[in-house]
């Protein structure tokens, strides 16, 4: 019987504003690390091949599917997951708008939609409906209508602008 050596990589990163380190296998996805190693189960596994967006996270300023990123690629990166969206004062305006407009049902896709919407609002304070739909196109929902999700993003953008919390960011698209 041939035994394989188990290689573990030590990764130092920042997740949701906290310095974090972990050990992962060279083939282990960031999604597996988040859920199975770090216990951050808010990021959902949907298709596990990059088609549904349920596992969307921010890596630096880039929106990525955690199932397509290796855990080792997080070395030195800033990662933001759904667990980092709400603040000490309560829900993020996106989360509140999703609740108020009934833009969620089963919840599997919701974290990915929220992170994708946050990525958009980090770049554009007044996105058009077309831009919102473009930014959310990588996220699939089988339960609810996309119109409610678009309306929730519009409502959150309006509230964030009124509160002076949105600023245009120069981020490569």
N, C-alpha and C. Protein backbone atom coordinates (compact mmCIF):
# COMPACT_ATOMS: atom_id res chain seq x y z
N UNK A 1 0.84 -1.17 0.00
CA UNK A 1 0.00 0.00 0.00
C UNK A 1 0.88 1.23 0.00
N UNK A 2 0.60 2.14 -0.89
CA UNK A 2 1.37 3.38 -0.99
C UNK A 2 0.70 4.44 -0.12
N UNK A 3 1.49 5.08 0.72
CA UNK A 3 0.96 6.15 1.55
C UNK A 3 1.36 7.48 0.96
N UNK A 4 0.43 8.38 0.88
CA UNK A 4 0.71 9.73 0.39
C UNK A 4 1.08 10.62 1.56
N UNK A 5 2.07 11.43 1.31
CA UNK A 5 2.42 12.44 2.31
C UNK A 5 1.35 13.53 2.27
N UNK A 6 0.86 13.91 3.41
CA UNK A 6 -0.14 14.95 3.47
C UNK A 6 0.56 16.29 3.63
N UNK A 7 0.51 17.08 2.58
CA UNK A 7 1.12 18.40 2.62
C UNK A 7 0.10 19.40 3.11
N UNK A 8 0.46 20.16 4.08
CA UNK A 8 -0.40 21.22 4.59
C UNK A 8 0.33 22.53 4.39
N UNK A 9 -0.39 23.52 3.92
CA UNK A 9 0.17 24.84 3.70
C UNK A 9 -0.32 25.77 4.80
N UNK A 10 0.59 26.57 5.32
CA UNK A 10 0.22 27.56 6.34
C UNK A 10 -0.10 28.85 5.61
N UNK A 11 -1.31 29.38 5.84
CA UNK A 11 -1.78 30.59 5.17
C UNK A 11 -2.08 31.65 6.21
N UNK A 12 -1.54 32.83 5.98
CA UNK A 12 -1.86 33.99 6.82
C UNK A 12 -2.63 34.98 5.97
N UNK A 13 -3.78 35.39 6.48
CA UNK A 13 -4.68 36.25 5.72
C UNK A 13 -5.48 37.11 6.69
N UNK A 14 -6.36 37.89 6.15
CA UNK A 14 -7.28 38.67 6.97
C UNK A 14 -8.69 38.34 6.49
N UNK A 15 -9.52 37.90 7.41
CA UNK A 15 -10.90 37.56 7.07
C UNK A 15 -11.83 38.39 7.92
N UNK A 16 -12.67 39.15 7.26
CA UNK A 16 -13.63 40.03 7.93
C UNK A 16 -12.95 40.95 8.94
N UNK A 17 -11.78 41.45 8.55
CA UNK A 17 -11.07 42.42 9.37
C UNK A 17 -10.20 41.83 10.47
N UNK A 18 -10.17 40.52 10.59
CA UNK A 18 -9.37 39.88 11.63
C UNK A 18 -8.23 39.09 11.00
N UNK A 19 -7.03 39.27 11.56
CA UNK A 19 -5.90 38.46 11.10
C UNK A 19 -6.20 37.00 11.42
N UNK A 20 -6.00 36.16 10.43
CA UNK A 20 -6.35 34.75 10.55
C UNK A 20 -5.25 33.92 9.92
N UNK A 21 -4.98 32.78 10.51
CA UNK A 21 -4.09 31.83 9.83
C UNK A 21 -4.70 30.44 9.96
N UNK A 22 -4.38 29.61 8.98
CA UNK A 22 -4.92 28.26 8.96
C UNK A 22 -3.99 27.36 8.15
N UNK A 23 -4.22 26.06 8.27
CA UNK A 23 -3.54 25.07 7.47
C UNK A 23 -4.54 24.50 6.48
N UNK A 24 -4.09 24.34 5.24
CA UNK A 24 -4.97 23.75 4.23
C UNK A 24 -4.15 22.90 3.28
N UNK A 25 -4.84 22.01 2.62
CA UNK A 25 -4.20 21.20 1.59
C UNK A 25 -4.03 22.03 0.33
N UNK A 26 -3.06 21.69 -0.51
CA UNK A 26 -2.82 22.47 -1.73
C UNK A 26 -3.99 22.45 -2.70
N UNK A 27 -4.86 21.46 -2.61
CA UNK A 27 -6.00 21.35 -3.52
C UNK A 27 -7.30 21.85 -2.89
N UNK A 28 -7.26 22.27 -1.65
CA UNK A 28 -8.46 22.66 -0.92
C UNK A 28 -8.93 24.05 -1.35
N UNK A 29 -10.21 24.17 -1.63
CA UNK A 29 -10.75 25.46 -2.08
C UNK A 29 -10.93 26.41 -0.89
N UNK A 30 -11.00 27.69 -1.21
CA UNK A 30 -11.27 28.69 -0.18
C UNK A 30 -12.63 28.42 0.46
N UNK A 31 -13.59 27.96 -0.31
CA UNK A 31 -14.90 27.62 0.23
C UNK A 31 -14.79 26.54 1.30
N UNK A 32 -14.03 25.49 1.00
CA UNK A 32 -13.83 24.42 1.98
C UNK A 32 -13.14 24.94 3.24
N UNK A 33 -12.15 25.80 3.05
CA UNK A 33 -11.44 26.36 4.20
C UNK A 33 -12.39 27.18 5.05
N UNK A 34 -13.14 28.07 4.41
CA UNK A 34 -14.07 28.93 5.15
C UNK A 34 -15.06 28.10 5.95
N UNK A 35 -15.68 27.14 5.31
CA UNK A 35 -16.74 26.37 5.96
C UNK A 35 -16.21 25.30 6.90
N UNK A 36 -15.25 24.49 6.43
CA UNK A 36 -14.84 23.30 7.17
C UNK A 36 -13.69 23.54 8.14
N UNK A 37 -12.81 24.47 7.82
CA UNK A 37 -11.66 24.72 8.69
C UNK A 37 -11.96 25.86 9.67
N UNK A 38 -12.54 26.95 9.15
CA UNK A 38 -12.75 28.14 9.97
C UNK A 38 -14.16 28.25 10.55
N UNK A 39 -15.07 27.41 10.13
CA UNK A 39 -16.43 27.41 10.66
C UNK A 39 -17.28 28.59 10.22
N UNK A 40 -16.89 29.25 9.12
CA UNK A 40 -17.66 30.37 8.57
C UNK A 40 -18.64 29.80 7.55
N UNK A 41 -19.77 29.32 8.04
CA UNK A 41 -20.70 28.59 7.19
C UNK A 41 -21.73 29.48 6.49
N UNK A 42 -21.62 30.79 6.65
CA UNK A 42 -22.52 31.70 5.94
C UNK A 42 -22.32 31.66 4.45
N UNK A 43 -21.09 31.46 4.01
CA UNK A 43 -20.79 31.31 2.59
C UNK A 43 -21.28 29.93 2.19
N UNK A 44 -22.18 29.87 1.23
CA UNK A 44 -22.85 28.61 0.89
C UNK A 44 -22.20 27.90 -0.27
N UNK A 45 -22.33 26.57 -0.26
CA UNK A 45 -21.91 25.76 -1.39
C UNK A 45 -23.16 25.44 -2.20
N UNK A 46 -23.14 25.87 -3.45
CA UNK A 46 -24.25 25.58 -4.34
C UNK A 46 -23.84 24.56 -5.36
N UNK A 47 -23.20 25.02 -6.42
CA UNK A 47 -22.84 24.15 -7.54
C UNK A 47 -21.43 23.58 -7.42
N UNK A 48 -20.57 24.27 -6.71
CA UNK A 48 -19.15 23.91 -6.55
C UNK A 48 -18.39 23.89 -7.88
N UNK A 49 -18.89 24.64 -8.87
CA UNK A 49 -18.14 24.77 -10.12
C UNK A 49 -18.19 26.19 -10.69
N UNK A 50 -18.55 27.16 -9.85
CA UNK A 50 -18.48 28.56 -10.24
C UNK A 50 -19.66 29.10 -11.03
N UNK A 51 -20.76 28.36 -11.08
CA UNK A 51 -21.89 28.81 -11.89
C UNK A 51 -23.02 29.47 -11.12
N UNK A 52 -23.10 29.29 -9.79
CA UNK A 52 -24.29 29.78 -9.09
C UNK A 52 -24.05 31.02 -8.25
N UNK A 53 -22.82 31.30 -7.84
CA UNK A 53 -22.53 32.50 -7.06
C UNK A 53 -22.85 32.41 -5.58
N UNK A 54 -23.37 31.28 -5.10
CA UNK A 54 -23.73 31.16 -3.69
C UNK A 54 -22.51 31.34 -2.77
N UNK A 55 -21.33 31.06 -3.28
CA UNK A 55 -20.12 31.14 -2.47
C UNK A 55 -19.33 32.43 -2.70
N UNK A 56 -19.97 33.45 -3.23
CA UNK A 56 -19.28 34.71 -3.53
C UNK A 56 -18.69 35.34 -2.27
N UNK A 57 -17.45 35.77 -2.38
CA UNK A 57 -16.76 36.52 -1.33
C UNK A 57 -15.96 37.62 -2.00
N UNK A 58 -15.55 38.59 -1.21
CA UNK A 58 -14.64 39.61 -1.72
C UNK A 58 -13.22 39.23 -1.35
N UNK A 59 -12.35 39.23 -2.32
CA UNK A 59 -10.92 38.99 -2.11
C UNK A 59 -10.24 40.28 -2.53
N UNK A 60 -9.85 41.07 -1.53
CA UNK A 60 -9.42 42.43 -1.84
C UNK A 60 -10.65 43.16 -2.34
N UNK A 61 -10.57 43.74 -3.50
CA UNK A 61 -11.72 44.43 -4.07
C UNK A 61 -12.41 43.60 -5.16
N UNK A 62 -11.95 42.37 -5.34
CA UNK A 62 -12.50 41.50 -6.39
C UNK A 62 -13.58 40.58 -5.86
N UNK A 63 -14.65 40.46 -6.58
CA UNK A 63 -15.70 39.50 -6.28
C UNK A 63 -15.28 38.17 -6.87
N UNK A 64 -15.20 37.13 -6.04
CA UNK A 64 -14.76 35.82 -6.51
C UNK A 64 -15.69 34.74 -5.99
N UNK A 65 -15.72 33.63 -6.71
CA UNK A 65 -16.41 32.44 -6.24
C UNK A 65 -15.41 31.64 -5.41
N UNK A 66 -15.69 31.48 -4.13
CA UNK A 66 -14.76 30.81 -3.23
C UNK A 66 -14.52 29.36 -3.62
N UNK A 67 -15.44 28.75 -4.36
CA UNK A 67 -15.25 27.37 -4.80
C UNK A 67 -14.19 27.26 -5.89
N UNK A 68 -13.87 28.39 -6.55
CA UNK A 68 -12.89 28.37 -7.64
C UNK A 68 -11.53 28.92 -7.23
N UNK A 69 -11.40 29.34 -5.99
CA UNK A 69 -10.15 29.90 -5.48
C UNK A 69 -9.56 28.89 -4.51
N UNK A 70 -8.28 28.64 -4.63
CA UNK A 70 -7.63 27.74 -3.68
C UNK A 70 -7.45 28.45 -2.35
N UNK A 71 -7.58 27.71 -1.27
CA UNK A 71 -7.39 28.28 0.06
C UNK A 71 -6.02 28.92 0.20
N UNK A 72 -5.02 28.36 -0.45
CA UNK A 72 -3.66 28.90 -0.39
C UNK A 72 -3.55 30.26 -1.07
N UNK A 73 -4.43 30.55 -2.01
CA UNK A 73 -4.41 31.83 -2.72
C UNK A 73 -4.83 33.00 -1.83
N UNK A 74 -5.37 32.71 -0.67
CA UNK A 74 -5.77 33.76 0.26
C UNK A 74 -4.57 34.34 1.01
N UNK A 75 -3.41 33.77 0.84
CA UNK A 75 -2.20 34.25 1.52
C UNK A 75 -2.03 35.75 1.27
N UNK A 76 -1.99 36.51 2.37
CA UNK A 76 -1.76 37.95 2.30
C UNK A 76 -2.94 38.76 1.79
N UNK A 77 -4.06 38.13 1.54
CA UNK A 77 -5.24 38.81 1.00
C UNK A 77 -6.18 39.25 2.12
N UNK A 78 -7.06 40.18 1.77
CA UNK A 78 -8.17 40.55 2.65
C UNK A 78 -9.42 39.90 2.09
N UNK A 79 -10.04 39.05 2.88
CA UNK A 79 -11.23 38.32 2.47
C UNK A 79 -12.42 38.87 3.25
N UNK A 80 -13.53 39.06 2.56
CA UNK A 80 -14.76 39.49 3.24
C UNK A 80 -15.85 38.51 2.88
N UNK A 81 -16.45 37.94 3.92
CA UNK A 81 -17.54 36.99 3.73
C UNK A 81 -18.83 37.62 4.26
N UNK A 82 -19.91 36.91 4.12
CA UNK A 82 -21.20 37.40 4.60
C UNK A 82 -21.15 37.67 6.10
N UNK A 83 -20.36 36.92 6.84
CA UNK A 83 -20.26 37.14 8.29
C UNK A 83 -19.68 38.51 8.62
N UNK A 84 -18.98 39.12 7.68
CA UNK A 84 -18.39 40.43 7.90
C UNK A 84 -19.25 41.59 7.41
N UNK A 85 -20.45 41.31 6.94
CA UNK A 85 -21.28 42.37 6.36
C UNK A 85 -21.98 43.21 7.43
N UNK A 86 -22.61 42.57 8.39
CA UNK A 86 -23.30 43.32 9.46
C UNK A 86 -22.25 43.97 10.36
N UNK A 87 -22.64 45.06 10.97
CA UNK A 87 -21.73 45.76 11.87
C UNK A 87 -22.18 45.65 13.31
N UNK A 88 -21.46 46.29 14.20
CA UNK A 88 -21.82 46.23 15.62
C UNK A 88 -23.17 46.89 15.92
N UNK A 89 -23.61 47.76 15.02
CA UNK A 89 -24.89 48.44 15.23
C UNK A 89 -26.07 47.68 14.63
N UNK A 90 -25.81 46.54 14.02
CA UNK A 90 -26.90 45.75 13.45
C UNK A 90 -26.66 45.39 12.00
N UNK A 91 -27.74 45.08 11.33
CA UNK A 91 -27.67 44.64 9.94
C UNK A 91 -27.13 45.74 9.03
N UNK A 92 -26.43 45.32 7.99
CA UNK A 92 -26.01 46.22 6.93
C UNK A 92 -27.28 46.66 6.18
N UNK A 93 -27.30 47.87 5.63
CA UNK A 93 -28.48 48.31 4.88
C UNK A 93 -28.90 47.34 3.76
N UNK A 94 -27.96 46.65 3.16
CA UNK A 94 -28.34 45.65 2.15
C UNK A 94 -29.14 44.52 2.79
N UNK A 95 -28.68 44.03 3.92
CA UNK A 95 -29.40 42.96 4.61
C UNK A 95 -30.81 43.43 5.01
N UNK A 96 -30.89 44.64 5.54
CA UNK A 96 -32.19 45.18 5.96
C UNK A 96 -33.13 45.34 4.76
N UNK A 97 -32.59 45.82 3.64
CA UNK A 97 -33.42 46.00 2.44
C UNK A 97 -33.88 44.65 1.90
N UNK A 98 -33.04 43.62 1.95
CA UNK A 98 -33.45 42.30 1.50
C UNK A 98 -34.61 41.79 2.35
N UNK A 99 -34.54 42.03 3.66
CA UNK A 99 -35.63 41.61 4.54
C UNK A 99 -36.92 42.37 4.22
N UNK A 100 -36.81 43.68 4.10
CA UNK A 100 -37.99 44.52 3.90
C UNK A 100 -38.68 44.29 2.57
N UNK A 101 -37.93 43.94 1.55
CA UNK A 101 -38.52 43.76 0.22
C UNK A 101 -38.80 42.28 -0.09
N UNK A 102 -38.61 41.41 0.89
CA UNK A 102 -38.81 39.96 0.71
C UNK A 102 -37.99 39.44 -0.47
N UNK A 103 -36.74 39.86 -0.53
CA UNK A 103 -35.86 39.48 -1.63
C UNK A 103 -35.11 38.18 -1.36
N UNK A 104 -35.61 37.39 -0.43
CA UNK A 104 -34.97 36.11 -0.13
C UNK A 104 -36.04 35.11 0.26
N UNK A 105 -35.71 33.85 0.05
CA UNK A 105 -36.62 32.81 0.49
C UNK A 105 -35.84 31.71 1.20
N UNK A 106 -35.27 30.76 0.49
CA UNK A 106 -34.62 29.64 1.18
C UNK A 106 -33.29 30.04 1.80
N UNK A 107 -32.63 31.05 1.26
CA UNK A 107 -31.40 31.56 1.86
C UNK A 107 -30.11 31.02 1.30
N UNK A 108 -30.14 30.02 0.46
CA UNK A 108 -28.89 29.47 -0.08
C UNK A 108 -28.16 30.50 -0.93
N UNK A 109 -28.85 31.22 -1.76
CA UNK A 109 -28.21 32.18 -2.66
C UNK A 109 -27.99 33.55 -2.02
N UNK A 110 -28.70 33.84 -0.93
CA UNK A 110 -28.72 35.18 -0.36
C UNK A 110 -27.34 35.72 -0.01
N UNK A 111 -26.46 34.96 0.67
CA UNK A 111 -25.14 35.51 0.98
C UNK A 111 -24.36 35.94 -0.26
N UNK A 112 -24.44 35.15 -1.32
CA UNK A 112 -23.75 35.50 -2.55
C UNK A 112 -24.31 36.77 -3.19
N UNK A 113 -25.62 36.90 -3.20
CA UNK A 113 -26.24 38.12 -3.73
C UNK A 113 -25.82 39.34 -2.91
N UNK A 114 -25.82 39.20 -1.59
CA UNK A 114 -25.46 40.33 -0.73
C UNK A 114 -24.02 40.76 -0.95
N UNK A 115 -23.11 39.81 -1.05
CA UNK A 115 -21.70 40.15 -1.27
C UNK A 115 -21.51 40.75 -2.66
N UNK A 116 -22.18 40.22 -3.67
CA UNK A 116 -22.08 40.79 -5.02
C UNK A 116 -22.63 42.21 -5.03
N UNK A 117 -23.75 42.42 -4.36
CA UNK A 117 -24.34 43.77 -4.29
C UNK A 117 -23.41 44.73 -3.56
N UNK A 118 -22.78 44.25 -2.50
CA UNK A 118 -21.84 45.10 -1.78
C UNK A 118 -20.66 45.49 -2.69
N UNK A 119 -20.18 44.53 -3.46
CA UNK A 119 -19.07 44.81 -4.39
C UNK A 119 -19.48 45.90 -5.38
N UNK A 120 -20.70 45.83 -5.87
CA UNK A 120 -21.20 46.85 -6.79
C UNK A 120 -21.28 48.20 -6.09
N UNK A 121 -21.90 48.25 -4.93
CA UNK A 121 -22.08 49.51 -4.23
C UNK A 121 -20.77 50.11 -3.75
N UNK A 122 -19.74 49.29 -3.60
CA UNK A 122 -18.41 49.80 -3.30
C UNK A 122 -17.85 50.58 -4.48
N UNK A 123 -18.34 50.28 -5.68
CA UNK A 123 -17.84 50.92 -6.90
C UNK A 123 -18.75 52.03 -7.41
N UNK A 124 -20.04 51.86 -7.21
CA UNK A 124 -21.02 52.80 -7.78
C UNK A 124 -22.07 53.15 -6.74
N UNK A 125 -22.24 54.43 -6.49
CA UNK A 125 -23.23 54.84 -5.49
C UNK A 125 -24.65 54.91 -6.04
N UNK A 126 -24.78 55.06 -7.35
CA UNK A 126 -26.11 55.14 -7.96
C UNK A 126 -26.19 54.21 -9.17
N UNK A 127 -26.09 52.92 -8.95
CA UNK A 127 -26.12 52.01 -10.10
C UNK A 127 -27.51 51.96 -10.72
N UNK A 128 -27.54 51.89 -12.02
CA UNK A 128 -28.81 51.75 -12.74
C UNK A 128 -29.32 50.32 -12.55
N UNK A 129 -30.57 50.11 -12.89
CA UNK A 129 -31.12 48.75 -12.82
C UNK A 129 -30.31 47.81 -13.71
N UNK A 130 -29.91 48.31 -14.87
CA UNK A 130 -29.11 47.49 -15.79
C UNK A 130 -27.78 47.08 -15.15
N UNK A 131 -27.11 48.03 -14.48
CA UNK A 131 -25.83 47.73 -13.82
C UNK A 131 -26.03 46.73 -12.68
N UNK A 132 -27.10 46.89 -11.92
CA UNK A 132 -27.37 45.95 -10.84
C UNK A 132 -27.57 44.56 -11.40
N UNK A 133 -28.38 44.45 -12.44
CA UNK A 133 -28.62 43.13 -13.04
C UNK A 133 -27.34 42.54 -13.61
N UNK A 134 -26.48 43.39 -14.20
CA UNK A 134 -25.20 42.92 -14.72
C UNK A 134 -24.34 42.36 -13.59
N UNK A 135 -24.22 43.11 -12.49
CA UNK A 135 -23.38 42.70 -11.37
C UNK A 135 -23.90 41.45 -10.68
N UNK A 136 -25.20 41.24 -10.70
CA UNK A 136 -25.79 40.09 -10.02
C UNK A 136 -25.97 38.90 -10.96
N UNK A 137 -25.57 39.04 -12.21
CA UNK A 137 -25.80 37.99 -13.21
C UNK A 137 -25.08 36.69 -12.87
N UNK A 138 -24.03 36.74 -12.10
CA UNK A 138 -23.31 35.52 -11.72
C UNK A 138 -23.92 34.78 -10.55
N UNK A 139 -25.06 35.27 -10.06
CA UNK A 139 -25.73 34.66 -8.92
C UNK A 139 -27.08 34.13 -9.36
N UNK A 140 -27.34 32.87 -9.02
CA UNK A 140 -28.59 32.24 -9.41
C UNK A 140 -29.49 32.03 -8.19
N UNK A 141 -30.78 32.24 -8.40
CA UNK A 141 -31.78 32.01 -7.37
C UNK A 141 -32.88 31.16 -7.97
N UNK A 142 -33.25 30.11 -7.27
CA UNK A 142 -34.31 29.24 -7.77
C UNK A 142 -35.65 29.50 -7.09
N UNK A 143 -35.66 30.36 -6.07
CA UNK A 143 -36.88 30.53 -5.26
C UNK A 143 -37.64 31.82 -5.50
N UNK A 144 -36.94 32.91 -5.65
CA UNK A 144 -37.60 34.22 -5.67
C UNK A 144 -37.38 34.91 -7.00
N UNK A 145 -38.08 35.96 -7.23
CA UNK A 145 -37.91 36.72 -8.46
C UNK A 145 -36.74 37.69 -8.33
N UNK A 146 -36.01 37.84 -9.38
CA UNK A 146 -34.87 38.75 -9.37
C UNK A 146 -35.29 40.20 -9.19
N UNK A 147 -36.52 40.53 -9.56
CA UNK A 147 -36.98 41.92 -9.42
C UNK A 147 -36.89 42.38 -7.97
N UNK A 148 -37.29 41.52 -7.03
CA UNK A 148 -37.23 41.89 -5.61
C UNK A 148 -35.78 42.11 -5.17
N UNK A 149 -34.89 41.32 -5.69
CA UNK A 149 -33.48 41.46 -5.33
C UNK A 149 -32.94 42.78 -5.87
N UNK A 150 -33.27 43.10 -7.11
CA UNK A 150 -32.84 44.37 -7.71
C UNK A 150 -33.41 45.54 -6.91
N UNK A 151 -34.67 45.45 -6.55
CA UNK A 151 -35.30 46.54 -5.77
C UNK A 151 -34.63 46.69 -4.41
N UNK A 152 -34.23 45.59 -3.81
CA UNK A 152 -33.55 45.66 -2.51
C UNK A 152 -32.21 46.38 -2.64
N UNK A 153 -31.47 46.10 -3.70
CA UNK A 153 -30.18 46.76 -3.92
C UNK A 153 -30.40 48.25 -4.16
N UNK A 154 -31.42 48.59 -4.94
CA UNK A 154 -31.73 50.00 -5.17
C UNK A 154 -32.09 50.71 -3.86
N UNK A 155 -32.90 50.07 -3.03
CA UNK A 155 -33.29 50.65 -1.74
C UNK A 155 -32.07 50.85 -0.84
N UNK A 156 -31.21 49.85 -0.77
CA UNK A 156 -30.01 49.96 0.06
C UNK A 156 -29.09 51.07 -0.45
N UNK A 157 -28.94 51.16 -1.76
CA UNK A 157 -28.09 52.21 -2.34
C UNK A 157 -28.62 53.59 -1.97
N UNK A 158 -29.94 53.75 -2.08
CA UNK A 158 -30.56 55.03 -1.72
C UNK A 158 -30.32 55.37 -0.25
N UNK A 159 -30.52 54.41 0.61
CA UNK A 159 -30.32 54.64 2.05
C UNK A 159 -28.86 54.93 2.38
N UNK A 160 -27.95 54.23 1.74
CA UNK A 160 -26.52 54.46 1.99
C UNK A 160 -26.10 55.84 1.49
N UNK A 161 -26.64 56.26 0.34
CA UNK A 161 -26.35 57.61 -0.16
C UNK A 161 -26.87 58.66 0.80
N UNK A 162 -28.10 58.49 1.27
CA UNK A 162 -28.69 59.44 2.21
C UNK A 162 -27.89 59.53 3.51
N UNK A 163 -27.34 58.42 3.92
CA UNK A 163 -26.54 58.39 5.15
C UNK A 163 -25.10 58.83 4.91
N UNK A 164 -24.77 59.09 3.63
CA UNK A 164 -23.41 59.51 3.29
C UNK A 164 -22.40 58.39 3.43
N UNK A 165 -22.87 57.14 3.32
CA UNK A 165 -21.97 56.00 3.51
C UNK A 165 -21.44 55.43 2.20
N UNK A 166 -21.93 55.91 1.07
CA UNK A 166 -21.42 55.42 -0.20
C UNK A 166 -20.46 56.42 -0.80
N UNK A 167 -19.40 55.91 -1.31
CA UNK A 167 -18.45 56.76 -2.01
C UNK A 167 -18.02 56.00 -3.25
N UNK A 168 -17.75 56.74 -4.31
CA UNK A 168 -17.29 56.09 -5.54
C UNK A 168 -15.86 55.64 -5.33
N UNK A 169 -15.58 54.42 -5.70
CA UNK A 169 -14.25 53.86 -5.57
C UNK A 169 -13.69 53.63 -6.95
N UNK A 170 -12.43 53.91 -7.14
CA UNK A 170 -11.80 53.60 -8.41
C UNK A 170 -11.22 52.20 -8.29
N UNK A 171 -11.97 51.25 -8.79
CA UNK A 171 -11.57 49.86 -8.74
C UNK A 171 -11.63 49.32 -10.15
N UNK A 172 -10.60 48.62 -10.59
CA UNK A 172 -10.65 48.04 -11.93
C UNK A 172 -11.80 47.05 -12.03
N UNK A 173 -12.54 47.10 -13.12
CA UNK A 173 -13.67 46.18 -13.30
C UNK A 173 -13.30 45.00 -14.15
